Amino acid sequence: MSEETTEKEERKYFTYMVRCADGSLYTGFTVDDVHRRVAVHNSGKGARYTRSRLPVVLAWYREWGTEHEARSMEYRLKRMKKEEKEAMAASFGEEKT
């Protein structure tokens, strides 16, 4: 097995939602470190949507084994109603306590 194959197998993929300062939710996808991605958003170098709505806080995330799974979930989340996303974020907080 090559080093490249091993590296790909060890990667983690995340779908996440952050809550913006205006109360809105932004959904995204990242590789390896969801907390680093939130820090990028808060530095003003993230998505255009979040740049004018700082700071953001992590509201929900899920780790996936493949990029396809993570991006598919991002696609589904972006098409959900706000109420459904809010319910996911609320239940996520309960899961982590």
PDB file of N, CA and C in Angstrom:
ATOM      1  N   MET A   1       0.846  -1.186   0.000  1.00  0.00           N
ATOM      2  CA  MET A   1       0.000   0.000   0.000  1.00  0.00           C
ATOM      3  C   MET A   1       0.887   1.243   0.000  1.00  0.00           C
ATOM      4  N   SER A   2       0.590   2.201  -0.831  1.00  0.00           N
ATOM      5  CA  SER A   2       1.403   3.409  -0.924  1.00  0.00           C
ATOM      6  C   SER A   2       1.057   4.381   0.199  1.00  0.00           C
ATOM      7  N   GLU A   3       1.954   5.322   0.412  1.00  0.00           N
ATOM      8  CA  GLU A   3       1.726   6.347   1.440  1.00  0.00           C
ATOM      9  C   GLU A   3       0.496   7.174   1.113  1.00  0.00           C
ATOM     10  N   GLU A   4       0.286   7.452  -0.185  1.00  0.00           N
ATOM     11  CA  GLU A   4      -0.879   8.227  -0.613  1.00  0.00           C
ATOM     12  C   GLU A   4      -2.171   7.502  -0.264  1.00  0.00           C
ATOM     13  N   THR A   5      -2.231   6.200  -0.496  1.00  0.00           N
ATOM     14  CA  THR A   5      -3.426   5.413  -0.174  1.00  0.00           C
ATOM     15  C   THR A   5      -3.686   5.443   1.322  1.00  0.00           C
ATOM     16  N   THR A   6      -2.639   5.257   2.117  1.00  0.00           N
ATOM     17  CA  THR A   6      -2.782   5.281   3.572  1.00  0.00           C
ATOM     18  C   THR A   6      -3.294   6.635   4.040  1.00  0.00           C
ATOM     19  N   GLU A   7      -2.755   7.710   3.477  1.00  0.00           N
ATOM     20  CA  GLU A   7      -3.177   9.057   3.862  1.00  0.00           C
ATOM     21  C   GLU A   7      -4.659   9.262   3.556  1.00  0.00           C
ATOM     22  N   LYS A   8      -5.110   8.814   2.388  1.00  0.00           N
ATOM     23  CA  LYS A   8      -6.516   8.971   2.030  1.00  0.00           C
ATOM     24  C   LYS A   8      -7.409   8.180   2.972  1.00  0.00           C
ATOM     25  N   GLU A   9      -6.987   7.000   3.364  1.00  0.00           N
ATOM     26  CA  GLU A   9      -7.788   6.177   4.264  1.00  0.00           C
ATOM     27  C   GLU A   9      -7.917   6.810   5.641  1.00  0.00           C
ATOM     28  N   GLU A  10      -6.930   7.566   6.055  1.00  0.00           N
ATOM     29  CA  GLU A  10      -6.930   8.166   7.384  1.00  0.00           C
ATOM     30  C   GLU A  10      -7.654   9.496   7.433  1.00  0.00           C
ATOM     31  N   ARG A  11      -8.021  10.027   6.310  1.00  0.00           N
ATOM     32  CA  ARG A  11      -8.697  11.319   6.282  1.00  0.00           C
ATOM     33  C   ARG A  11     -10.076  11.221   6.904  1.00  0.00           C
ATOM     34  N   LYS A  12     -10.491  12.335   7.481  1.00  0.00           N
ATOM     35  CA  LYS A  12     -11.837  12.459   8.031  1.00  0.00           C
ATOM     36  C   LYS A  12     -12.542  13.543   7.238  1.00  0.00           C
ATOM     37  N   TYR A  13     -13.814  13.365   7.047  1.00  0.00           N
ATOM     38  CA  TYR A  13     -14.621  14.319   6.290  1.00  0.00           C
ATOM     39  C   TYR A  13     -15.782  14.747   7.169  1.00  0.00           C
ATOM     40  N   PHE A  14     -16.095  16.028   7.145  1.00  0.00           N
ATOM     41  CA  PHE A  14     -17.130  16.565   8.009  1.00  0.00           C
ATOM     42  C   PHE A  14     -18.143  17.386   7.216  1.00  0.00           C
ATOM     43  N   THR A  15     -19.398  17.248   7.608  1.00  0.00           N
ATOM     44  CA  THR A  15     -20.447  18.172   7.217  1.00  0.00           C
ATOM     45  C   THR A  15     -20.755  18.946   8.491  1.00  0.00           C
ATOM     46  N   TYR A  16     -20.930  20.249   8.380  1.00  0.00           N
ATOM     47  CA  TYR A  16     -21.135  21.049   9.586  1.00  0.00           C
ATOM     48  C   TYR A  16     -22.098  22.194   9.335  1.00  0.00           C
ATOM     49  N   MET A  17     -22.640  22.708  10.432  1.00  0.00           N
ATOM     50  CA  MET A  17     -23.419  23.943  10.407  1.00  0.00           C
ATOM     51  C   MET A  17     -22.831  24.869  11.460  1.00  0.00           C
ATOM     52  N   VAL A  18     -22.695  26.133  11.107  1.00  0.00           N
ATOM     53  CA  VAL A  18     -22.315  27.149  12.081  1.00  0.00           C
ATOM     54  C   VAL A  18     -23.462  28.138  12.217  1.00  0.00           C
ATOM     55  N   ARG A  19     -23.607  28.649  13.419  1.00  0.00           N
ATOM     56  CA  ARG A  19     -24.595  29.698  13.666  1.00  0.00           C
ATOM     57  C   ARG A  19     -23.873  31.027  13.569  1.00  0.00           C
ATOM     58  N   CYS A  20     -24.373  31.872  12.709  1.00  0.00           N
ATOM     59  CA  CYS A  20     -23.790  33.195  12.500  1.00  0.00           C
ATOM     60  C   CYS A  20     -24.312  34.170  13.555  1.00  0.00           C
ATOM     61  N   ALA A  21     -23.635  35.297  13.665  1.00  0.00           N
ATOM     62  CA  ALA A  21     -24.019  36.309  14.655  1.00  0.00           C
ATOM     63  C   ALA A  21     -25.446  36.809  14.459  1.00  0.00           C
ATOM     64  N   ASP A  22     -25.952  36.766  13.220  1.00  0.00           N
ATOM     65  CA  ASP A  22     -27.327  37.211  12.965  1.00  0.00           C
ATOM     66  C   ASP A  22     -28.358  36.111  13.223  1.00  0.00           C
ATOM     67  N   GLY A  23     -27.908  34.942  13.705  1.00  0.00           N
ATOM     68  CA  GLY A  23     -28.823  33.848  14.011  1.00  0.00           C
ATOM     69  C   GLY A  23     -29.026  32.861  12.875  1.00  0.00           C
ATOM     70  N   SER A  24     -28.534  33.188  11.691  1.00  0.00           N
ATOM     71  CA  SER A  24     -28.699  32.284  10.556  1.00  0.00           C
ATOM     72  C   SER A  24     -27.740  31.102  10.682  1.00  0.00           C
ATOM     73  N   LEU A  25     -28.041  30.050   9.930  1.00  0.00           N
ATOM     74  CA  LEU A  25     -27.185  28.866   9.911  1.00  0.00           C
ATOM     75  C   LEU A  25     -26.519  28.751   8.548  1.00  0.00           C
ATOM     76  N   TYR A  26     -25.236  28.461   8.563  1.00  0.00           N
ATOM     77  CA  TYR A  26     -24.477  28.215   7.336  1.00  0.00           C
ATOM     78  C   TYR A  26     -24.028  26.761   7.347  1.00  0.00           C
ATOM     79  N   THR A  27     -24.179  26.079   6.230  1.00  0.00           N
ATOM     80  CA  THR A  27     -23.802  24.677   6.113  1.00  0.00           C
ATOM     81  C   THR A  27     -22.586  24.556   5.218  1.00  0.00           C
ATOM     82  N   GLY A  28     -21.649  23.700   5.633  1.00  0.00           N
ATOM     83  CA  GLY A  28     -20.453  23.499   4.834  1.00  0.00           C
ATOM     84  C   GLY A  28     -19.889  22.103   4.974  1.00  0.00           C
ATOM     85  N   PHE A  29     -18.763  21.901   4.298  1.00  0.00           N
ATOM     86  CA  PHE A  29     -18.050  20.629   4.260  1.00  0.00           C
ATOM     87  C   PHE A  29     -16.577  20.930   4.466  1.00  0.00           C
ATOM     88  N   THR A  30     -15.863  20.068   5.179  1.00  0.00           N
ATOM     89  CA  THR A  30     -14.420  20.241   5.330  1.00  0.00           C
ATOM     90  C   THR A  30     -13.750  18.894   5.512  1.00  0.00           C
ATOM     91  N   VAL A  31     -12.447  18.912   5.363  1.00  0.00           N
ATOM     92  CA  VAL A  31     -11.635  17.710   5.503  1.00  0.00           C
ATOM     93  C   VAL A  31     -10.769  17.842   6.754  1.00  0.00           C
ATOM     94  N   ASP A  32     -10.706  16.793   7.533  1.00  0.00           N
ATOM     95  CA  ASP A  32      -9.783  16.601   8.648  1.00  0.00           C
ATOM     96  C   ASP A  32     -10.106  17.316   9.963  1.00  0.00           C
ATOM     97  N   ASP A  33     -10.436  18.608   9.967  1.00  0.00           N
ATOM     98  CA  ASP A  33     -10.571  19.307  11.248  1.00  0.00           C
ATOM     99  C   ASP A  33     -11.681  20.364  11.196  1.00  0.00           C
ATOM    100  N   VAL A  34     -12.829  20.026  11.719  1.00  0.00           N
ATOM    101  CA  VAL A  34     -13.977  20.938  11.676  1.00  0.00           C
ATOM    102  C   VAL A  34     -13.735  22.184  12.528  1.00  0.00           C
ATOM    103  N   HIS A  35     -13.016  22.044  13.635  1.00  0.00           N
ATOM    104  CA  HIS A  35     -12.769  23.199  14.505  1.00  0.00           C
ATOM    105  C   HIS A  35     -11.811  24.200  13.831  1.00  0.00           C
ATOM    106  N   ARG A  36     -10.855  23.696  13.072  1.00  0.00           N
ATOM    107  CA  ARG A  36      -9.976  24.580  12.312  1.00  0.00           C
ATOM    108  C   ARG A  36     -10.789  25.342  11.268  1.00  0.00           C
ATOM    109  N   ARG A  37     -11.752  24.666  10.649  1.00  0.00           N
ATOM    110  CA  ARG A  37     -12.582  25.315   9.625  1.00  0.00           C
ATOM    111  C   ARG A  37     -13.414  26.449  10.231  1.00  0.00           C
ATOM    112  N   VAL A  38     -13.949  26.229  11.425  1.00  0.00           N
ATOM    113  CA  VAL A  38     -14.704  27.291  12.108  1.00  0.00           C
ATOM    114  C   VAL A  38     -13.776  28.481  12.383  1.00  0.00           C
ATOM    115  N   ALA A  39     -12.547  28.203  12.783  1.00  0.00           N
ATOM    116  CA  ALA A  39     -11.577  29.281  13.025  1.00  0.00           C
ATOM    117  C   ALA A  39     -11.289  30.054  11.736  1.00  0.00           C
ATOM    118  N   VAL A  40     -11.237  29.355  10.605  1.00  0.00           N
ATOM    119  CA  VAL A  40     -11.034  30.032   9.317  1.00  0.00           C
ATOM    120  C   VAL A  40     -12.212  30.962   9.030  1.00  0.00           C
ATOM    121  N   HIS A  41     -13.428  30.475   9.280  1.00  0.00           N
ATOM    122  CA  HIS A  41     -14.601  31.344   9.101  1.00  0.00           C
ATOM    123  C   HIS A  41     -14.454  32.587   9.981  1.00  0.00           C
ATOM    124  N   ASN A  42     -14.099  32.400  11.242  1.00  0.00           N
ATOM    125  CA  ASN A  42     -14.011  33.531  12.173  1.00  0.00           C
ATOM    126  C   ASN A  42     -12.857  34.478  11.870  1.00  0.00           C
ATOM    127  N   SER A  43     -11.886  34.020  11.103  1.00  0.00           N
ATOM    128  CA  SER A  43     -10.780  34.906  10.701  1.00  0.00           C
ATOM    129  C   SER A  43     -11.179  35.794   9.530  1.00  0.00           C
ATOM    130  N   GLY A  44     -12.375  35.551   8.976  1.00  0.00           N
ATOM    131  CA  GLY A  44     -12.837  36.340   7.840  1.00  0.00           C
ATOM    132  C   GLY A  44     -12.400  35.775   6.503  1.00  0.00           C
ATOM    133  N   LYS A  45     -11.792  34.598   6.515  1.00  0.00           N
ATOM    134  CA  LYS A  45     -11.305  33.988   5.272  1.00  0.00           C
ATOM    135  C   LYS A  45     -12.157  32.805   4.837  1.00  0.00           C
ATOM    136  N   GLY A  46     -13.288  32.619   5.471  1.00  0.00           N
ATOM    137  CA  GLY A  46     -14.182  31.522   5.116  1.00  0.00           C
ATOM    138  C   GLY A  46     -15.107  31.916   3.989  1.00  0.00           C
ATOM    139  N   ALA A  47     -16.253  31.345   3.981  1.00  0.00           N
ATOM    140  CA  ALA A  47     -17.246  31.606   2.936  1.00  0.00           C
ATOM    141  C   ALA A  47     -17.687  33.062   2.939  1.00  0.00           C
ATOM    142  N   ARG A  48     -18.010  33.559   1.774  1.00  0.00           N
ATOM    143  CA  ARG A  48     -18.481  34.941   1.642  1.00  0.00           C
ATOM    144  C   ARG A  48     -19.693  35.194   2.540  1.00  0.00           C
ATOM    145  N   TYR A  49     -20.581  34.201   2.621  1.00  0.00           N
ATOM    146  CA  TYR A  49     -21.799  34.352   3.431  1.00  0.00           C
ATOM    147  C   TYR A  49     -21.460  34.657   4.882  1.00  0.00           C
ATOM    148  N   THR A  50     -20.470  33.980   5.447  1.00  0.00           N
ATOM    149  CA  THR A  50     -20.174  34.151   6.871  1.00  0.00           C
ATOM    150  C   THR A  50     -19.334  35.396   7.164  1.00  0.00           C
ATOM    151  N   ARG A  51     -18.617  35.907   6.182  1.00  0.00           N
ATOM    152  CA  ARG A  51     -17.720  37.051   6.421  1.00  0.00           C
ATOM    153  C   ARG A  51     -18.423  38.258   7.014  1.00  0.00           C
ATOM    154  N   SER A  52     -19.652  38.504   6.604  1.00  0.00           N
ATOM    155  CA  SER A  52     -20.373  39.676   7.118  1.00  0.00           C
ATOM    156  C   SER A  52     -21.275  39.312   8.297  1.00  0.00           C
ATOM    157  N   ARG A  53     -21.155  38.089   8.795  1.00  0.00           N
ATOM    158  CA  ARG A  53     -22.028  37.629   9.883  1.00  0.00           C
ATOM    159  C   ARG A  53     -21.216  37.038  11.041  1.00  0.00           C
ATOM    160  N   LEU A  54     -20.038  37.574  11.261  1.00  0.00           N
ATOM    161  CA  LEU A  54     -19.140  37.064  12.299  1.00  0.00           C
ATOM    162  C   LEU A  54     -19.507  37.607  13.661  1.00  0.00           C
ATOM    163  N   PRO A  55     -19.180  36.885  14.718  1.00  0.00           N
ATOM    164  CA  PRO A  55     -18.524  35.583  14.712  1.00  0.00           C
ATOM    165  C   PRO A  55     -19.527  34.452  14.468  1.00  0.00           C
ATOM    166  N   VAL A  56     -18.973  33.278  14.133  1.00  0.00           N
ATOM    167  CA  VAL A  56     -19.791  32.082  13.985  1.00  0.00           C
ATOM    168  C   VAL A  56     -19.402  31.093  15.070  1.00  0.00           C
ATOM    169  N   VAL A  57     -20.355  30.243  15.445  1.00  0.00           N
ATOM    170  CA  VAL A  57     -20.076  29.171  16.408  1.00  0.00           C
ATOM    171  C   VAL A  57     -20.582  27.861  15.817  1.00  0.00           C
ATOM    172  N   LEU A  58     -19.895  26.805  16.130  1.00  0.00           N
ATOM    173  CA  LEU A  58     -20.269  25.494  15.633  1.00  0.00           C
ATOM    174  C   LEU A  58     -21.602  25.087  16.242  1.00  0.00           C
ATOM    175  N   ALA A  59     -22.569  24.769  15.397  1.00  0.00           N
ATOM    176  CA  ALA A  59     -23.910  24.405  15.855  1.00  0.00           C
ATOM    177  C   ALA A  59     -24.184  22.912  15.698  1.00  0.00           C
ATOM    178  N   TRP A  60     -23.527  22.287  14.712  1.00  0.00           N
ATOM    179  CA  TRP A  60     -23.748  20.870  14.440  1.00  0.00           C
ATOM    180  C   TRP A  60     -22.648  20.379  13.519  1.00  0.00           C
ATOM    181  N   TYR A  61     -22.231  19.127  13.710  1.00  0.00           N
ATOM    182  CA  TYR A  61     -21.346  18.507  12.725  1.00  0.00           C
ATOM    183  C   TYR A  61     -21.456  16.999  12.809  1.00  0.00           C
ATOM    184  N   ARG A  62     -21.025  16.356  11.740  1.00  0.00           N
ATOM    185  CA  ARG A  62     -20.968  14.897  11.702  1.00  0.00           C
ATOM    186  C   ARG A  62     -19.760  14.484  10.884  1.00  0.00           C
ATOM    187  N   GLU A  63     -19.062  13.493  11.390  1.00  0.00           N
ATOM    188  CA  GLU A  63     -17.898  12.955  10.699  1.00  0.00           C
ATOM    189  C   GLU A  63     -18.329  11.823   9.773  1.00  0.00           C
ATOM    190  N   TRP A  64     -17.685  11.760   8.609  1.00  0.00           N
ATOM    191  CA  TRP A  64     -17.981  10.735   7.614  1.00  0.00           C
ATOM    192  C   TRP A  64     -16.704  10.035   7.194  1.00  0.00           C
ATOM    193  N   GLY A  65     -16.856   8.843   6.659  1.00  0.00           N
ATOM    194  CA  GLY A  65     -15.710   8.076   6.207  1.00  0.00           C
ATOM    195  C   GLY A  65     -15.245   8.430   4.808  1.00  0.00           C
ATOM    196  N   THR A  66     -16.142   9.018   4.011  1.00  0.00           N
ATOM    197  CA  THR A  66     -15.774   9.378   2.641  1.00  0.00           C
ATOM    198  C   THR A  66     -16.215  10.802   2.329  1.00  0.00           C
ATOM    199  N   GLU A  67     -15.535  11.389   1.371  1.00  0.00           N
ATOM    200  CA  GLU A  67     -15.895  12.731   0.920  1.00  0.00           C
ATOM    201  C   GLU A  67     -17.291  12.733   0.312  1.00  0.00           C
ATOM    202  N   HIS A  68     -17.615  11.686  -0.426  1.00  0.00           N
ATOM    203  CA  HIS A  68     -18.927  11.600  -1.059  1.00  0.00           C
ATOM    204  C   HIS A  68     -20.053  11.670  -0.015  1.00  0.00           C
ATOM    205  N   GLU A  69     -19.906  10.925   1.074  1.00  0.00           N
ATOM    206  CA  GLU A  69     -20.934  10.942   2.124  1.00  0.00           C
ATOM    207  C   GLU A  69     -21.080  12.341   2.722  1.00  0.00           C
ATOM    208  N   ALA A  70     -19.959  12.986   2.995  1.00  0.00           N
ATOM    209  CA  ALA A  70     -19.994  14.321   3.603  1.00  0.00           C
ATOM    210  C   ALA A  70     -20.619  15.352   2.669  1.00  0.00           C
ATOM    211  N   ARG A  71     -20.237  15.313   1.414  1.00  0.00           N
ATOM    212  CA  ARG A  71     -20.787  16.280   0.449  1.00  0.00           C
ATOM    213  C   ARG A  71     -22.263  16.002   0.163  1.00  0.00           C
ATOM    214  N   SER A  72     -22.643  14.740   0.177  1.00  0.00           N
ATOM    215  CA  SER A  72     -24.055  14.396  -0.017  1.00  0.00           C
ATOM    216  C   SER A  72     -24.900  14.945   1.118  1.00  0.00           C
ATOM    217  N   MET A  73     -24.394  14.832   2.343  1.00  0.00           N
ATOM    218  CA  MET A  73     -25.132  15.371   3.488  1.00  0.00           C
ATOM    219  C   MET A  73     -25.201  16.889   3.414  1.00  0.00           C
ATOM    220  N   GLU A  74     -24.107  17.524   2.999  1.00  0.00           N
ATOM    221  CA  GLU A  74     -24.123  18.981   2.826  1.00  0.00           C
ATOM    222  C   GLU A  74     -25.225  19.374   1.838  1.00  0.00           C
ATOM    223  N   TYR A  75     -25.318  18.664   0.746  1.00  0.00           N
ATOM    224  CA  TYR A  75     -26.342  18.920  -0.270  1.00  0.00           C
ATOM    225  C   TYR A  75     -27.743  18.785   0.328  1.00  0.00           C
ATOM    226  N   ARG A  76     -27.956  17.707   1.098  1.00  0.00           N
ATOM    227  CA  ARG A  76     -29.281  17.497   1.715  1.00  0.00           C
ATOM    228  C   ARG A  76     -29.599  18.584   2.737  1.00  0.00           C
ATOM    229  N   LEU A  77     -28.614  18.943   3.550  1.00  0.00           N
ATOM    230  CA  LEU A  77     -28.840  19.984   4.567  1.00  0.00           C
ATOM    231  C   LEU A  77     -29.215  21.319   3.933  1.00  0.00           C
ATOM    232  N   LYS A  78     -28.558  21.657   2.865  1.00  0.00           N
ATOM    233  CA  LYS A  78     -28.818  22.948   2.226  1.00  0.00           C
ATOM    234  C   LYS A  78     -30.223  23.031   1.646  1.00  0.00           C
ATOM    235  N   ARG A  79     -30.859  21.899   1.480  1.00  0.00           N
ATOM    236  CA  ARG A  79     -32.227  21.880   0.954  1.00  0.00           C
ATOM    237  C   ARG A  79     -33.280  21.678   2.034  1.00  0.00           C
ATOM    238  N   MET A  80     -32.854  21.545   3.274  1.00  0.00           N
ATOM    239  CA  MET A  80     -33.796  21.368   4.381  1.00  0.00           C
ATOM    240  C   MET A  80     -34.403  22.709   4.782  1.00  0.00           C
ATOM    241  N   LYS A  81     -35.555  22.642   5.383  1.00  0.00           N
ATOM    242  CA  LYS A  81     -36.184  23.839   5.936  1.00  0.00           C
ATOM    243  C   LYS A  81     -35.411  24.274   7.182  1.00  0.00           C
ATOM    244  N   LYS A  82     -35.463  25.567   7.451  1.00  0.00           N
ATOM    245  CA  LYS A  82     -34.750  26.110   8.607  1.00  0.00           C
ATOM    246  C   LYS A  82     -35.174  25.418   9.893  1.00  0.00           C
ATOM    247  N   GLU A  83     -36.449  25.116  10.033  1.00  0.00           N
ATOM    248  CA  GLU A  83     -36.942  24.460  11.243  1.00  0.00           C
ATOM    249  C   GLU A  83     -36.281  23.095  11.436  1.00  0.00           C
ATOM    250  N   GLU A  84     -36.074  22.374  10.349  1.00  0.00           N
ATOM    251  CA  GLU A  84     -35.422  21.063  10.433  1.00  0.00           C
ATOM    252  C   GLU A  84     -33.959  21.204  10.853  1.00  0.00           C
ATOM    253  N   LYS A  85     -33.287  22.207  10.295  1.00  0.00           N
ATOM    254  CA  LYS A  85     -31.890  22.453  10.667  1.00  0.00           C
ATOM    255  C   LYS A  85     -31.785  22.871  12.130  1.00  0.00           C
ATOM    256  N   GLU A  86     -32.717  23.718  12.562  1.00  0.00           N
ATOM    257  CA  GLU A  86     -32.721  24.154  13.967  1.00  0.00           C
ATOM    258  C   GLU A  86     -32.908  22.966  14.910  1.00  0.00           C
ATOM    259  N   ALA A  87     -33.769  22.031  14.530  1.00  0.00           N
ATOM    260  CA  ALA A  87     -33.983  20.835  15.352  1.00  0.00           C
ATOM    261  C   ALA A  87     -32.710  19.998  15.426  1.00  0.00           C
ATOM    262  N   MET A  88     -32.002  19.876  14.325  1.00  0.00           N
ATOM    263  CA  MET A  88     -30.738  19.135  14.330  1.00  0.00           C
ATOM    264  C   MET A  88     -29.724  19.814  15.247  1.00  0.00           C
ATOM    265  N   ALA A  89     -29.622  21.130  15.160  1.00  0.00           N
ATOM    266  CA  ALA A  89     -28.679  21.858  15.989  1.00  0.00           C
ATOM    267  C   ALA A  89     -29.040  21.721  17.470  1.00  0.00           C
ATOM    268  N   ALA A  90     -30.320  21.794  17.777  1.00  0.00           N
ATOM    269  CA  ALA A  90     -30.759  21.667  19.169  1.00  0.00           C
ATOM    270  C   ALA A  90     -30.456  20.285  19.721  1.00  0.00           C
ATOM    271  N   SER A  91     -30.721  19.254  18.938  1.00  0.00           N
ATOM    272  CA  SER A  91     -30.467  17.897  19.412  1.00  0.00           C
ATOM    273  C   SER A  91     -28.973  17.616  19.499  1.00  0.00           C
ATOM    274  N   PHE A  92     -28.183  18.269  18.688  1.00  0.00           N
ATOM    275  CA  PHE A  92     -26.731  18.098  18.720  1.00  0.00           C
ATOM    276  C   PHE A  92     -26.172  18.583  20.057  1.00  0.00           C
ATOM    277  N   GLY A  93     -26.663  19.720  20.521  1.00  0.00           N
ATOM    278  CA  GLY A  93     -26.228  20.237  21.804  1.00  0.00           C
ATOM    279  C   GLY A  93     -26.553  19.279  22.935  1.00  0.00           C
ATOM    280  N   GLU A  94     -27.684  18.625  22.849  1.00  0.00           N
ATOM    281  CA  GLU A  94     -28.092  17.651  23.861  1.00  0.00           C
ATOM    282  C   GLU A  94     -27.193  16.405  23.806  1.00  0.00           C
ATOM    283  N   GLU A  95     -26.800  15.987  22.602  1.00  0.00           N
ATOM    284  CA  GLU A  95     -25.952  14.805  22.436  1.00  0.00           C
ATOM    285  C   GLU A  95     -24.584  15.021  23.047  1.00  0.00           C
ATOM    286  N   LYS A  96     -24.071  16.226  22.979  1.00  0.00           N
ATOM    287  CA  LYS A  96     -22.706  16.523  23.419  1.00  0.00           C
ATOM    288  C   LYS A  96     -22.579  16.760  24.916  1.00  0.00           C
ATOM    289  N   THR A  97     -23.703  16.873  25.627  1.00  0.00           N
ATOM    290  CA  THR A  97     -23.635  17.134  27.064  1.00  0.00           C
ATOM    291  C   THR A  97     -23.684  15.866  27.866  1.00  0.00           C
TER     292      THR A  97
END
